[in-house]
């Protein structure tokens, strides 16, 4: 019981330093992942949670080992708690554990795969959400009171003349409702959600960059 009380007391005395380690790691990861995916949606990823907890654990253990072993002479624990997660982040990118003279456990590869999986999942989720929004936008435009001729005119503005003529000739045999659907799909395919939202007067909810201006 006395050991538990001693541990709890030590833990509470150093809690602020552990929290500081977590803050440094969050800042590091926020910068790292934001560069890759340009938002902070990775915080919703369960894999990121596991990835973060493992690195936080190793950071705290490394700091305690450094203090207990006397390998470092740092007067301020704040400085050590700031440096430790940066060291861990560097180590996990380059560490290979050798057993019997041959690399057996590539820690850097393991953490790299965690990181790549997080980025992949977030980007995949973003693509899925984008496709869902396109489908909803397509249906709103199809159900709108905007005439098919107006949709066709908007579609023509985003196509080369010959390409639009061939497209118009191809769907000419379709029923009016199917022609309208094809025009809507072609408009979104050529002009993006910007073109469709602009026609609906919803451009502020979509990508505000005209696809033609990106070229």
Protein backbone atom coordinates (compact mmCIF):
# COMPACT_ATOMS: atom_id res chain seq x y z
CA UNK A 1 0.00 0.00 0.00
CA UNK A 2 2.85 2.34 0.85
CA UNK A 3 4.41 1.65 -2.57
CA UNK A 4 1.18 2.62 -4.27
CA UNK A 5 0.94 5.83 -2.25
CA UNK A 6 4.57 6.66 -3.09
CA UNK A 7 3.91 6.02 -6.79
CA UNK A 8 0.70 8.10 -6.76
CA UNK A 9 2.51 10.94 -5.00
CA UNK A 10 5.38 10.84 -7.50
CA UNK A 11 2.91 10.71 -10.40
CA UNK A 12 0.96 13.72 -9.15
CA UNK A 13 4.16 15.68 -8.57
CA UNK A 14 5.19 15.11 -12.18
CA UNK A 15 1.74 15.27 -13.78
CA UNK A 16 2.32 18.73 -15.24
CA UNK A 17 5.48 17.51 -16.98
CA UNK A 18 3.63 14.51 -18.43
CA UNK A 19 0.90 16.83 -19.68
CA UNK A 20 3.55 19.06 -21.21
CA UNK A 21 4.91 16.05 -23.10
CA UNK A 22 1.42 15.38 -24.47
CA UNK A 23 1.05 19.02 -25.56
CA UNK A 24 4.40 18.92 -27.39
CA UNK A 25 3.45 15.67 -29.12
CA UNK A 26 0.06 17.05 -30.16
CA UNK A 27 1.73 20.18 -31.55
CA UNK A 28 4.28 18.06 -33.43
CA UNK A 29 1.63 15.72 -34.88
CA UNK A 30 -0.69 18.59 -35.76
CA UNK A 31 2.05 20.17 -37.85
CA UNK A 32 3.10 16.85 -39.37
CA UNK A 33 -0.37 15.70 -40.40
CA UNK A 34 -1.67 19.12 -41.37
CA UNK A 35 1.10 19.38 -43.98
CA UNK A 36 -0.16 16.11 -45.47
CA UNK A 37 -3.96 16.44 -45.30
CA UNK A 38 -4.50 20.21 -44.73
CA UNK A 39 -6.95 19.80 -41.85
CA UNK A 40 -7.17 18.36 -38.36
CA UNK A 41 -9.58 15.51 -39.06
CA UNK A 42 -6.89 12.99 -38.08
CA UNK A 43 -7.88 13.57 -34.44
CA UNK A 44 -10.99 11.46 -35.15
CA UNK A 45 -8.92 8.48 -36.24
CA UNK A 46 -8.70 5.55 -33.80
CA UNK A 47 -5.38 4.57 -35.34
CA UNK A 48 -4.06 8.04 -34.57
CA UNK A 49 -5.20 7.60 -30.96
CA UNK A 50 -3.21 4.37 -30.67
CA UNK A 51 -0.24 5.93 -32.52
CA UNK A 52 -0.29 8.91 -30.17
CA UNK A 53 -0.65 6.89 -26.95
CA UNK A 54 2.28 4.60 -27.82
CA UNK A 55 4.56 7.55 -28.57
CA UNK A 56 3.41 9.39 -25.43
CA UNK A 57 4.14 6.29 -23.35
CA UNK A 58 7.66 5.93 -24.77
CA UNK A 59 8.27 9.65 -24.28
CA UNK A 60 7.35 9.49 -20.59
CA UNK A 61 9.37 6.31 -20.07
CA UNK A 62 12.39 7.84 -21.81
CA UNK A 63 12.21 10.95 -19.65
CA UNK A 64 11.99 8.91 -16.44
CA UNK A 65 14.87 6.65 -17.49
CA UNK A 66 16.99 9.66 -18.34
CA UNK A 67 16.34 11.18 -14.92
CA UNK A 68 16.80 7.98 -12.95
CA UNK A 69 19.95 6.87 -14.76
CA UNK A 70 21.61 10.27 -14.52
CA UNK A 71 22.51 10.15 -18.21
CA UNK A 72 21.42 13.74 -18.65
CA UNK A 73 22.11 16.73 -16.49
CA UNK A 74 19.05 18.90 -16.95
CA UNK A 75 18.12 21.22 -14.13
CA UNK A 76 14.63 21.88 -15.48
CA UNK A 77 12.17 19.05 -16.08
CA UNK A 78 10.27 21.41 -18.37
CA UNK A 79 13.21 21.44 -20.77
CA UNK A 80 13.50 17.65 -20.65
CA UNK A 81 9.76 17.15 -21.12
CA UNK A 82 9.96 19.41 -24.18
CA UNK A 83 12.98 17.66 -25.71
CA UNK A 84 11.94 14.05 -24.97
CA UNK A 85 8.95 13.78 -27.36
CA UNK A 86 11.04 15.34 -30.12
CA UNK A 87 13.71 12.71 -29.51
CA UNK A 88 11.10 9.94 -29.57
CA UNK A 89 9.62 11.29 -32.82
CA UNK A 90 13.10 11.21 -34.36
CA UNK A 91 13.95 7.76 -32.98
CA UNK A 92 10.81 6.06 -34.27
CA UNK A 93 11.67 7.30 -37.76
CA UNK A 94 15.14 5.72 -37.73
CA UNK A 95 15.16 2.90 -35.15
CA UNK A 96 15.83 -0.71 -36.10
CA UNK A 97 16.22 -3.31 -33.33
CA UNK A 98 18.95 -5.85 -34.13
CA UNK A 99 18.81 -9.42 -32.85
CA UNK A 100 21.72 -11.71 -33.62
CA UNK A 101 23.36 -9.12 -35.83
CA UNK A 102 20.43 -8.92 -38.26
CA UNK A 103 17.61 -6.34 -38.31
CA UNK A 104 14.55 -8.13 -36.94
CA UNK A 105 12.25 -5.39 -35.73
CA UNK A 106 12.09 -2.28 -37.87
CA UNK A 107 10.48 0.19 -35.45
CA UNK A 108 10.75 3.02 -37.96
CA UNK A 109 8.82 1.00 -40.55
CA UNK A 110 6.16 0.10 -38.00
CA UNK A 111 5.49 3.71 -37.00
CA UNK A 112 5.76 4.84 -40.63
CA UNK A 113 3.04 2.35 -41.57
CA UNK A 114 0.87 3.67 -38.72
CA UNK A 115 1.36 7.21 -40.00
CA UNK A 116 0.70 6.28 -43.63
CA UNK A 117 -2.45 4.37 -42.65
CA UNK A 118 -3.79 7.38 -40.76
CA UNK A 119 -3.19 9.64 -43.78
CA UNK A 120 -4.70 7.07 -46.15
CA UNK A 121 -7.84 6.63 -44.03
CA UNK A 122 -8.37 10.38 -43.70
CA UNK A 123 -7.93 10.98 -47.43
CA UNK A 124 -10.22 8.08 -48.27
CA UNK A 125 -12.86 9.43 -45.90
CA UNK A 126 -12.53 12.87 -47.51
CA UNK A 127 -13.00 11.35 -50.99
CA UNK A 128 -16.08 9.43 -49.84
CA UNK A 129 -17.58 12.56 -48.29
CA UNK A 130 -16.82 14.52 -51.44
CA UNK A 131 -18.58 11.92 -53.58
CA UNK A 132 -21.59 11.99 -51.26
CA UNK A 133 -21.77 15.76 -51.56
CA UNK A 134 -21.55 15.50 -55.36
CA UNK A 135 -24.46 13.06 -55.41
CA UNK A 136 -26.54 15.36 -53.18
CA UNK A 137 -25.64 18.38 -55.31
CA UNK A 138 -26.50 16.50 -58.49
CA UNK A 139 -29.93 15.63 -57.10
CA UNK A 140 -30.58 19.20 -55.94
CA UNK A 141 -29.75 20.56 -59.37
CA UNK A 142 -31.83 17.87 -61.08
CA UNK A 143 -34.83 18.62 -58.83
CA UNK A 144 -34.43 22.39 -59.09
CA UNK A 145 -36.62 24.73 -61.12
CA UNK A 146 -33.68 25.63 -63.36
CA UNK A 147 -34.55 24.68 -66.92
CA UNK A 148 -32.73 21.93 -68.75
CA UNK A 149 -31.70 24.48 -71.41
CA UNK A 150 -30.02 26.61 -68.74
CA UNK A 151 -28.19 23.58 -67.37
CA UNK A 152 -27.13 22.65 -70.89
CA UNK A 153 -25.91 26.20 -71.47
CA UNK A 154 -23.84 26.10 -68.28
CA UNK A 155 -22.49 22.72 -69.30
CA UNK A 156 -21.48 24.06 -72.72
CA UNK A 157 -19.46 26.83 -71.07
CA UNK A 158 -17.14 24.23 -69.53
CA UNK A 159 -16.69 22.12 -72.65
CA UNK A 160 -14.83 22.49 -75.93
CA UNK A 161 -17.30 23.19 -78.79
CA UNK A 162 -16.68 19.92 -80.63
CA UNK A 163 -16.81 17.91 -77.42
CA UNK A 164 -20.12 19.45 -76.41
CA UNK A 165 -21.64 18.90 -79.87
CA UNK A 166 -20.74 15.20 -79.74
CA UNK A 167 -22.10 14.91 -76.22
CA UNK A 168 -25.35 16.66 -77.19
CA UNK A 169 -25.76 14.43 -80.23
CA UNK A 170 -25.16 11.30 -78.16
CA UNK A 171 -27.85 12.09 -75.59
CA UNK A 172 -30.28 13.52 -78.15
CA UNK A 173 -32.12 10.20 -78.39
CA UNK A 174 -32.69 10.03 -74.64
CA UNK A 175 -35.93 11.00 -72.88
CA UNK A 176 -36.13 14.60 -71.56
CA UNK A 177 -35.65 13.46 -67.96
CA UNK A 178 -32.59 11.41 -68.82
CA UNK A 179 -31.16 14.23 -70.92
CA UNK A 180 -31.52 16.53 -67.91
CA UNK A 181 -29.72 13.98 -65.72
CA UNK A 182 -26.90 13.66 -68.25
CA UNK A 183 -26.48 17.44 -68.49
CA UNK A 184 -26.30 17.70 -64.71
CA UNK A 185 -23.68 14.94 -64.49
CA UNK A 186 -21.66 16.41 -67.33
CA UNK A 187 -21.74 19.86 -65.73
CA UNK A 188 -20.43 18.52 -62.42
CA UNK A 189 -17.89 16.34 -64.23
CA UNK A 190 -16.53 19.23 -66.30
CA UNK A 191 -17.08 22.26 -64.09
CA UNK A 192 -16.94 20.56 -60.72
CA UNK A 193 -19.16 21.34 -57.77
CA UNK A 194 -18.30 25.02 -58.31
CA UNK A 195 -20.24 25.16 -61.59
CA UNK A 196 -23.31 23.35 -60.24
CA UNK A 197 -23.38 25.35 -57.00
CA UNK A 198 -22.94 28.60 -58.92
CA UNK A 199 -25.95 27.74 -61.05
CA UNK A 200 -27.95 26.97 -57.91
CA UNK A 201 -26.73 30.11 -56.17
CA UNK A 202 -24.87 28.05 -53.55
CA UNK A 203 -21.30 28.82 -54.61
CA UNK A 204 -20.35 29.92 -51.09
CA UNK A 205 -20.84 26.33 -49.92
CA UNK A 206 -18.54 24.84 -52.52
CA UNK A 207 -15.05 25.22 -53.85
CA UNK A 208 -14.87 28.91 -54.69
CA UNK A 209 -12.15 28.40 -57.30
CA UNK A 210 -13.38 28.19 -60.85
CA UNK A 211 -11.87 25.00 -62.41
CA UNK A 212 -10.96 27.02 -65.51
CA UNK A 213 -8.82 29.30 -63.36
CA UNK A 214 -6.79 26.37 -62.08
CA UNK A 215 -5.40 25.56 -65.51
